[in-house]
């Protein structure tokens, strides 16, 4: 699957913690936090009231774009 710049692509069957590493990098750049912190949040090893909703919204928007395409 080709990745376009600054777009998050996920497979419709993937769960929250299955977000691909390149997508984690894009999420971290958009939110201004480290990629390892994004990975910890997605895996459930870390919790953040500030960033969890933002990350979930980015993933939901990407999934909606994927379904619309």
C-alpha atoms as a PDB file:
ATOM      1  CA  UNK A   1       0.000   0.000   0.000  1.00  0.00           C
ATOM      2  CA  UNK A   2       1.458   3.346  -1.006  1.00  0.00           C
ATOM      3  CA  UNK A   3       1.599   6.071   1.599  1.00  0.00           C
ATOM      4  CA  UNK A   4       1.042   9.687   0.704  1.00  0.00           C
ATOM      5  CA  UNK A   5       2.689  12.436   2.673  1.00  0.00           C
ATOM      6  CA  UNK A   6       0.880  13.452   5.889  1.00  0.00           C
ATOM      7  CA  UNK A   7      -1.946  10.974   5.364  1.00  0.00           C
ATOM      8  CA  UNK A   8      -2.686   8.139   7.739  1.00  0.00           C
ATOM      9  CA  UNK A   9      -3.586   4.863   6.073  1.00  0.00           C
ATOM     10  CA  UNK A  10      -4.947   1.960   8.103  1.00  0.00           C
ATOM     11  CA  UNK A  11      -6.620  -1.255   7.095  1.00  0.00           C
ATOM     12  CA  UNK A  12     -10.283  -1.295   8.038  1.00  0.00           C
ATOM     13  CA  UNK A  13      -9.851  -4.514  10.064  1.00  0.00           C
ATOM     14  CA  UNK A  14      -7.003  -3.206  12.223  1.00  0.00           C
ATOM     15  CA  UNK A  15      -7.569  -2.469  15.865  1.00  0.00           C
ATOM     16  CA  UNK A  16      -6.388   0.602  17.727  1.00  0.00           C
ATOM     17  CA  UNK A  17      -2.985  -0.846  18.705  1.00  0.00           C
ATOM     18  CA  UNK A  18      -2.291  -2.241  15.220  1.00  0.00           C
ATOM     19  CA  UNK A  19      -1.565   1.176  13.687  1.00  0.00           C
ATOM     20  CA  UNK A  20       1.446   0.864  11.420  1.00  0.00           C
ATOM     21  CA  UNK A  21       4.783   2.389  12.468  1.00  0.00           C
ATOM     22  CA  UNK A  22       4.878   4.989   9.615  1.00  0.00           C
ATOM     23  CA  UNK A  23       1.423   6.100  10.719  1.00  0.00           C
ATOM     24  CA  UNK A  24       2.636   6.409  14.303  1.00  0.00           C
ATOM     25  CA  UNK A  25       5.347   8.752  13.041  1.00  0.00           C
ATOM     26  CA  UNK A  26       2.744  10.871  11.225  1.00  0.00           C
ATOM     27  CA  UNK A  27       0.546  10.990  14.332  1.00  0.00           C
ATOM     28  CA  UNK A  28       3.504  12.010  16.485  1.00  0.00           C
ATOM     29  CA  UNK A  29       4.451  14.804  14.076  1.00  0.00           C
ATOM     30  CA  UNK A  30       0.888  16.120  13.956  1.00  0.00           C
ATOM     31  CA  UNK A  31       0.588  16.174  17.752  1.00  0.00           C
ATOM     32  CA  UNK A  32       4.172  17.255  18.473  1.00  0.00           C
ATOM     33  CA  UNK A  33       5.006  14.279  20.700  1.00  0.00           C
ATOM     34  CA  UNK A  34       7.510  11.441  20.362  1.00  0.00           C
ATOM     35  CA  UNK A  35       6.742   8.346  18.313  1.00  0.00           C
ATOM     36  CA  UNK A  36       7.582   6.086  21.249  1.00  0.00           C
ATOM     37  CA  UNK A  37       5.000   7.898  23.405  1.00  0.00           C
ATOM     38  CA  UNK A  38       2.372   7.412  20.674  1.00  0.00           C
ATOM     39  CA  UNK A  39       3.296   3.726  20.554  1.00  0.00           C
ATOM     40  CA  UNK A  40       2.902   3.391  24.337  1.00  0.00           C
ATOM     41  CA  UNK A  41      -0.496   5.109  24.259  1.00  0.00           C
ATOM     42  CA  UNK A  42      -1.736   2.902  21.412  1.00  0.00           C
ATOM     43  CA  UNK A  43      -0.547  -0.279  23.124  1.00  0.00           C
ATOM     44  CA  UNK A  44      -2.330   0.663  26.340  1.00  0.00           C
ATOM     45  CA  UNK A  45       0.840   0.776  28.439  1.00  0.00           C
ATOM     46  CA  UNK A  46       0.416   4.508  28.940  1.00  0.00           C
ATOM     47  CA  UNK A  47      -2.653   6.702  29.330  1.00  0.00           C
ATOM     48  CA  UNK A  48      -3.102  10.370  28.505  1.00  0.00           C
ATOM     49  CA  UNK A  49      -6.365  12.276  28.833  1.00  0.00           C
ATOM     50  CA  UNK A  50      -4.915  14.966  26.575  1.00  0.00           C
ATOM     51  CA  UNK A  51      -3.603  12.856  23.684  1.00  0.00           C
ATOM     52  CA  UNK A  52      -5.774   9.711  23.616  1.00  0.00           C
ATOM     53  CA  UNK A  53      -8.865  11.486  22.203  1.00  0.00           C
ATOM     54  CA  UNK A  54      -6.745  13.299  19.623  1.00  0.00           C
ATOM     55  CA  UNK A  55      -5.075  10.085  18.480  1.00  0.00           C
ATOM     56  CA  UNK A  56      -8.426   8.287  18.320  1.00  0.00           C
ATOM     57  CA  UNK A  57      -9.894  11.118  16.233  1.00  0.00           C
ATOM     58  CA  UNK A  58      -6.983  10.983  13.777  1.00  0.00           C
ATOM     59  CA  UNK A  59      -7.411   7.213  13.417  1.00  0.00           C
ATOM     60  CA  UNK A  60     -11.190   7.494  12.974  1.00  0.00           C
ATOM     61  CA  UNK A  61     -10.810  10.173  10.288  1.00  0.00           C
ATOM     62  CA  UNK A  62      -8.270   8.018   8.450  1.00  0.00           C
ATOM     63  CA  UNK A  63     -10.595   5.002   8.637  1.00  0.00           C
ATOM     64  CA  UNK A  64     -13.506   7.070   7.289  1.00  0.00           C
ATOM     65  CA  UNK A  65     -11.353   8.320   4.401  1.00  0.00           C
ATOM     66  CA  UNK A  66     -10.332   4.731   3.685  1.00  0.00           C
ATOM     67  CA  UNK A  67     -13.934   3.526   3.606  1.00  0.00           C
ATOM     68  CA  UNK A  68     -14.992   6.460   1.424  1.00  0.00           C
ATOM     69  CA  UNK A  69     -12.271   5.743  -1.148  1.00  0.00           C
END
